Each structure stands twice: as C-alpha cells, then as structure tokens.
Amino acid sequence: MSDCVFCKIAAGEIPSNKVYEDDRIIAFHDINPMTPVHVLFVPKEHICCANAINEDNCDIVGHIFSKIPAVAKELGLENGYRVVTNCGKEGCQSVMHLHFHLLGGKQLGVGMG
C-alpha cells in the first residue's frame, strides 16, 4: 500500500534502526519503546492485521517466529521476553500492517508493559 508506513520502511523509503532483514521480513527498533528492548517484526508483504492471515500467507507468521529467538538472544533477552500483536482499533493496532512487538529488557507485569 502506498500510504502504509511499514510498507515504506520495508521498501527502504523511510529509514529505520534495523536489527534483522531478509527477503520476507524486516525487524527494527520501535520509535516509541514501551520496554528497554522493543523491536517490531514486520512482513514485507502488506497484510493488514491478524484477521487477514489465511492459508495463502500464514507461513509468514511461522517465518517471523522462527527469527524471533535469535534476535532476542542478540539483544540480550536471555531471561525472557514477550511477543504481542494487536488487531484492529479496539485491539490498539496503530499501524494497519501486521506486526509483532518483541518486548523485554525488564521484568514484565501481567499487563502490556
């Protein structure tokens, strides 16, 4: 999508502080971190949210989750971390492009941060 900020980041049109990239996904530090380590994992293909995951694109979720442990280790999250995705307005999704938040670097409570 031409107006999607995550599509623009994935295409290199908007700079980001990347921690991982391959031909299918990009991972970068969130510009408004909620925890000491807050990285977003974003598919390069535009998928609006978790509701749009289907048989044709569900492999991207597995690919993202296969990369999270190595990035978490590289960022020093040996004691644990949280992975979150938000879906839709009531789920507090701020960018309508599927993404997963890797959160860590401090003891997390029962709530989000």
Protein backbone atom coordinates (compact mmCIF):
# COMPACT_ATOMS: atom_id res chain seq x y z
CA MET A 1 0.00 0.00 0.00
CA SER A 2 1.37 3.37 -0.97
CA ASP A 3 0.42 5.16 2.27
CA CYS A 4 1.46 2.40 4.71
CA VAL A 5 4.40 3.46 6.89
CA PHE A 6 5.55 -0.14 7.40
CA CYS A 7 5.47 -0.82 3.64
CA LYS A 8 7.62 2.29 3.19
CA ILE A 9 10.06 1.13 5.88
CA ALA A 10 10.23 -2.34 4.30
CA ALA A 11 10.92 -0.75 0.90
CA GLY A 12 13.69 1.43 2.36
CA GLU A 13 11.79 4.66 1.68
CA ILE A 14 11.72 5.51 5.39
CA PRO A 15 14.84 4.83 7.49
CA SER A 16 14.68 2.50 10.47
CA ASN A 17 17.04 1.14 13.08
CA LYS A 18 17.10 -2.41 11.68
CA VAL A 19 18.07 -5.43 13.71
CA TYR A 20 17.16 -8.06 11.10
CA GLU A 21 16.11 -8.23 7.46
CA ASP A 22 15.68 -10.89 4.81
CA ASP A 23 13.64 -11.12 1.63
CA ARG A 24 10.36 -11.64 3.54
CA ILE A 25 10.54 -9.64 6.77
CA ILE A 26 12.18 -6.70 8.48
CA ALA A 27 12.71 -6.16 12.21
CA PHE A 28 13.56 -2.76 13.67
CA HIS A 29 13.53 -0.85 16.94
CA ASP A 30 10.23 0.84 17.77
CA ILE A 31 10.50 4.64 17.76
CA ASN A 32 8.32 4.80 20.91
CA PRO A 33 9.61 1.89 23.00
CA MET A 34 7.45 0.55 25.83
CA THR A 35 10.32 -1.51 27.29
CA PRO A 36 14.12 -1.23 27.16
CA VAL A 37 14.06 -3.60 24.16
CA HIS A 38 11.12 -3.04 21.82
CA VAL A 39 11.51 -4.40 18.30
CA LEU A 40 8.86 -4.72 15.61
CA PHE A 41 8.81 -7.71 13.25
CA VAL A 42 7.02 -6.78 10.03
CA PRO A 43 6.29 -8.86 6.92
CA LYS A 44 7.33 -7.07 3.73
CA GLU A 45 4.08 -8.20 2.13
CA HIS A 46 1.22 -5.94 3.21
CA ILE A 47 -1.15 -7.89 5.44
CA CYS A 48 -3.42 -5.53 7.35
CA CYS A 49 -3.77 -7.46 10.62
CA ALA A 50 -4.16 -10.87 12.24
CA ASN A 51 -7.68 -11.10 10.80
CA ALA A 52 -6.17 -11.15 7.29
CA ILE A 53 -3.93 -14.17 7.94
CA ASN A 54 -5.10 -17.05 5.76
CA GLU A 55 -3.86 -20.25 4.10
CA ASP A 56 -2.08 -18.24 1.40
CA ASN A 57 0.01 -16.08 3.77
CA CYS A 58 0.14 -17.87 7.14
CA ASP A 59 3.68 -19.13 6.52
CA ILE A 60 4.96 -15.59 7.14
CA VAL A 61 3.90 -15.83 10.79
CA GLY A 62 5.93 -19.01 11.22
CA HIS A 63 8.88 -17.36 9.50
CA ILE A 64 8.70 -14.38 11.86
CA PHE A 65 8.52 -16.63 14.91
CA SER A 66 11.48 -18.66 13.63
CA LYS A 67 13.62 -15.47 13.66
CA ILE A 68 12.49 -14.01 16.99
CA PRO A 69 14.65 -16.23 19.28
CA ALA A 70 17.93 -15.33 17.54
CA VAL A 71 17.13 -11.61 17.56
CA ALA A 72 16.05 -11.81 21.21
CA LYS A 73 19.33 -13.52 22.12
CA GLU A 74 21.35 -10.98 20.12
CA LEU A 75 19.61 -8.18 22.03
CA GLY A 76 20.39 -9.76 25.42
CA LEU A 77 16.95 -11.10 26.29
CA GLU A 78 18.23 -14.33 27.86
CA ASN A 79 15.84 -14.05 30.84
CA GLY A 80 12.68 -13.88 28.74
CA TYR A 81 10.57 -11.61 26.61
CA ARG A 82 7.03 -11.09 25.36
CA VAL A 83 5.71 -11.18 21.78
CA VAL A 84 2.48 -9.28 21.11
CA THR A 85 0.34 -8.41 18.12
CA ASN A 86 -2.59 -6.03 18.17
CA CYS A 87 -5.57 -6.38 15.84
CA GLY A 88 -7.95 -3.58 14.91
CA LYS A 89 -8.99 -0.39 16.64
CA GLU A 90 -10.20 -1.99 19.87
CA GLY A 91 -7.02 -4.10 19.97
CA CYS A 92 -4.99 -0.84 19.84
CA GLN A 93 -3.43 -1.55 16.43
CA SER A 94 -1.86 1.79 15.49
CA VAL A 95 -0.46 0.81 12.06
CA MET A 96 -2.74 -1.30 9.89
CA HIS A 97 0.03 -3.64 8.77
CA LEU A 98 0.55 -6.93 10.59
CA HIS A 99 3.44 -6.69 13.02
CA PHE A 100 4.70 -8.35 16.18
CA HIS A 101 6.21 -6.50 19.14
CA LEU A 102 9.21 -8.13 20.82
CA LEU A 103 9.29 -6.66 24.33
CA GLY A 104 11.89 -7.23 27.02
CA GLY A 105 14.80 -5.96 29.00
CA LYS A 106 12.91 -5.67 32.27
CA GLN A 107 10.55 -7.73 34.38
CA LEU A 108 7.17 -7.54 32.65
CA GLY A 109 3.97 -7.45 34.61
CA VAL A 110 0.67 -9.09 33.84
CA GLY A 111 -0.30 -6.10 31.65
CA MET A 112 1.26 -4.97 28.38
CA GLY A 113 4.44 -3.28 29.53
